[in-house]
Amino acid sequence: MARTGGEARPVSAIVVGLLVLGLSGHLVAAWSNGSGAIAYVHHVAGFLIIAVVTGAVIAGLRWLFWRSARAVPLLIFAAIQAVLGILVALGELRR
């Protein structure tokens, strides 16, 4: 049975939602630092650096373990971004 494009939509929505949550955590942390432009630049750059590093690690793991599954590594990647974004926000809000 052929796959249809409709199967990927719920996973894509979850992945995008988790990534937005992760970026929002970094933006909240920048806002709590005093809303300076440099704070936003540093936190967005931090989000992108974390995304590149975790993306590279998860891409390697996908190549080793999940060659046929595409949704699992994307969900793991997005979940890690969301968790780290929340942790960054909580860390800054506790100051």
C-alpha atoms as a PDB file:
ATOM      1  CA  MET A   1       0.000   0.000   0.000  1.00  0.00           C
ATOM      2  CA  ALA A   2       1.369   3.381  -0.978  1.00  0.00           C
ATOM      3  CA  ARG A   3       1.879   6.085   1.593  1.00  0.00           C
ATOM      4  CA  THR A   4      -0.073   9.262   1.274  1.00  0.00           C
ATOM      5  CA  GLY A   5       1.017  12.751   2.230  1.00  0.00           C
ATOM      6  CA  GLY A   6      -1.643  12.909   4.947  1.00  0.00           C
ATOM      7  CA  GLU A   7       0.309  10.612   7.254  1.00  0.00           C
ATOM      8  CA  ALA A   8       3.184  13.082   7.594  1.00  0.00           C
ATOM      9  CA  ARG A   9       1.021  16.071   8.504  1.00  0.00           C
ATOM     10  CA  PRO A  10       0.370  15.240  12.185  1.00  0.00           C
ATOM     11  CA  VAL A  11       4.056  14.471  12.766  1.00  0.00           C
ATOM     12  CA  SER A  12       5.082  17.678  10.985  1.00  0.00           C
ATOM     13  CA  ALA A  13       2.689  19.719  13.111  1.00  0.00           C
ATOM     14  CA  ILE A  14       4.063  18.177  16.303  1.00  0.00           C
ATOM     15  CA  VAL A  15       7.660  18.756  15.191  1.00  0.00           C
ATOM     16  CA  VAL A  16       6.985  22.394  14.289  1.00  0.00           C
ATOM     17  CA  GLY A  17       5.130  22.933  17.564  1.00  0.00           C
ATOM     18  CA  LEU A  18       8.000  21.511  19.611  1.00  0.00           C
ATOM     19  CA  LEU A  19      10.558  23.593  17.729  1.00  0.00           C
ATOM     20  CA  VAL A  20       8.477  26.737  18.289  1.00  0.00           C
ATOM     21  CA  LEU A  21       8.265  25.839  21.982  1.00  0.00           C
ATOM     22  CA  GLY A  22      12.051  25.462  22.151  1.00  0.00           C
ATOM     23  CA  LEU A  23      12.702  28.760  20.398  1.00  0.00           C
ATOM     24  CA  SER A  24      10.106  30.453  22.593  1.00  0.00           C
ATOM     25  CA  GLY A  25      12.009  29.285  25.656  1.00  0.00           C
ATOM     26  CA  HIS A  26      15.144  30.968  24.364  1.00  0.00           C
ATOM     27  CA  LEU A  27      13.220  34.152  23.554  1.00  0.00           C
ATOM     28  CA  VAL A  28      11.680  34.219  27.042  1.00  0.00           C
ATOM     29  CA  ALA A  29      15.164  33.820  28.515  1.00  0.00           C
ATOM     30  CA  ALA A  30      16.416  36.718  26.389  1.00  0.00           C
ATOM     31  CA  TRP A  31      13.451  38.831  27.455  1.00  0.00           C
ATOM     32  CA  SER A  32      14.168  38.118  31.129  1.00  0.00           C
ATOM     33  CA  ASN A  33      17.785  39.258  30.610  1.00  0.00           C
ATOM     34  CA  GLY A  34      16.626  42.783  29.927  1.00  0.00           C
ATOM     35  CA  SER A  35      15.335  42.630  26.367  1.00  0.00           C
ATOM     36  CA  GLY A  36      18.559  43.899  24.840  1.00  0.00           C
ATOM     37  CA  ALA A  37      19.242  43.082  21.217  1.00  0.00           C
ATOM     38  CA  ILE A  38      22.435  41.260  22.148  1.00  0.00           C
ATOM     39  CA  ALA A  39      20.490  38.975  24.506  1.00  0.00           C
ATOM     40  CA  TYR A  40      18.147  37.988  21.680  1.00  0.00           C
ATOM     41  CA  VAL A  41      21.059  37.413  19.310  1.00  0.00           C
ATOM     42  CA  HIS A  42      22.864  35.222  21.837  1.00  0.00           C
ATOM     43  CA  HIS A  43      19.812  33.147  22.688  1.00  0.00           C
ATOM     44  CA  VAL A  44      18.749  32.629  19.073  1.00  0.00           C
ATOM     45  CA  ALA A  45      22.340  31.752  18.168  1.00  0.00           C
ATOM     46  CA  GLY A  46      22.386  29.323  21.090  1.00  0.00           C
ATOM     47  CA  PHE A  47      19.195  27.716  19.803  1.00  0.00           C
ATOM     48  CA  LEU A  48      20.735  27.339  16.346  1.00  0.00           C
ATOM     49  CA  ILE A  49      24.003  25.924  17.700  1.00  0.00           C
ATOM     50  CA  ILE A  50      22.105  23.398  19.812  1.00  0.00           C
ATOM     51  CA  ALA A  51      20.017  22.523  16.741  1.00  0.00           C
ATOM     52  CA  VAL A  52      23.106  21.928  14.585  1.00  0.00           C
ATOM     53  CA  VAL A  53      24.888  19.816  17.208  1.00  0.00           C
ATOM     54  CA  THR A  54      21.890  17.701  18.197  1.00  0.00           C
ATOM     55  CA  GLY A  55      20.819  17.461  14.555  1.00  0.00           C
ATOM     56  CA  ALA A  56      24.210  16.078  13.566  1.00  0.00           C
ATOM     57  CA  VAL A  57      24.171  13.525  16.386  1.00  0.00           C
ATOM     58  CA  ILE A  58      20.611  12.436  15.643  1.00  0.00           C
ATOM     59  CA  ALA A  59      21.343  12.268  11.890  1.00  0.00           C
ATOM     60  CA  GLY A  60      24.212   9.895  12.646  1.00  0.00           C
ATOM     61  CA  LEU A  61      22.000   7.787  14.903  1.00  0.00           C
ATOM     62  CA  ARG A  62      19.293   7.751  12.215  1.00  0.00           C
ATOM     63  CA  TRP A  63      21.815   6.492   9.703  1.00  0.00           C
ATOM     64  CA  LEU A  64      22.813   3.698  12.105  1.00  0.00           C
ATOM     65  CA  PHE A  65      19.454   2.672  13.562  1.00  0.00           C
ATOM     66  CA  TRP A  66      16.430   4.200  11.822  1.00  0.00           C
ATOM     67  CA  ARG A  67      17.125   4.073   8.110  1.00  0.00           C
ATOM     68  CA  SER A  68      13.504   3.434   7.181  1.00  0.00           C
ATOM     69  CA  ALA A  69      11.847   5.587   9.861  1.00  0.00           C
ATOM     70  CA  ARG A  70      11.833   9.321   9.235  1.00  0.00           C
ATOM     71  CA  ALA A  71       9.395  10.502  11.888  1.00  0.00           C
ATOM     72  CA  VAL A  72      11.210   9.088  14.929  1.00  0.00           C
ATOM     73  CA  PRO A  73      14.438  11.091  14.561  1.00  0.00           C
ATOM     74  CA  LEU A  74      12.514  14.277  13.771  1.00  0.00           C
ATOM     75  CA  LEU A  75      10.371  13.867  16.865  1.00  0.00           C
ATOM     76  CA  ILE A  76      13.436  13.176  19.006  1.00  0.00           C
ATOM     77  CA  PHE A  77      15.187  16.240  17.580  1.00  0.00           C
ATOM     78  CA  ALA A  78      12.185  18.487  18.207  1.00  0.00           C
ATOM     79  CA  ALA A  79      11.610  17.095  21.704  1.00  0.00           C
ATOM     80  CA  ILE A  80      15.235  17.766  22.656  1.00  0.00           C
ATOM     81  CA  GLN A  81      14.926  21.341  21.361  1.00  0.00           C
ATOM     82  CA  ALA A  82      11.721  21.868  23.366  1.00  0.00           C
ATOM     83  CA  VAL A  83      13.191  20.463  26.582  1.00  0.00           C
ATOM     84  CA  LEU A  84      16.383  22.506  26.279  1.00  0.00           C
ATOM     85  CA  GLY A  85      14.427  25.659  25.441  1.00  0.00           C
ATOM     86  CA  ILE A  86      12.251  25.203  28.524  1.00  0.00           C
ATOM     87  CA  LEU A  87      15.320  24.553  30.687  1.00  0.00           C
ATOM     88  CA  VAL A  88      17.041  27.691  29.371  1.00  0.00           C
ATOM     89  CA  ALA A  89      13.933  29.763  30.098  1.00  0.00           C
ATOM     90  CA  LEU A  90      13.553  28.337  33.593  1.00  0.00           C
ATOM     91  CA  GLY A  91      17.227  28.911  34.299  1.00  0.00           C
ATOM     92  CA  GLU A  92      16.974  32.571  33.379  1.00  0.00           C
ATOM     93  CA  LEU A  93      13.687  33.134  35.165  1.00  0.00           C
ATOM     94  CA  ARG A  94      15.119  31.768  38.422  1.00  0.00           C
ATOM     95  CA  ARG A  95      17.742  34.526  38.545  1.00  0.00           C
END
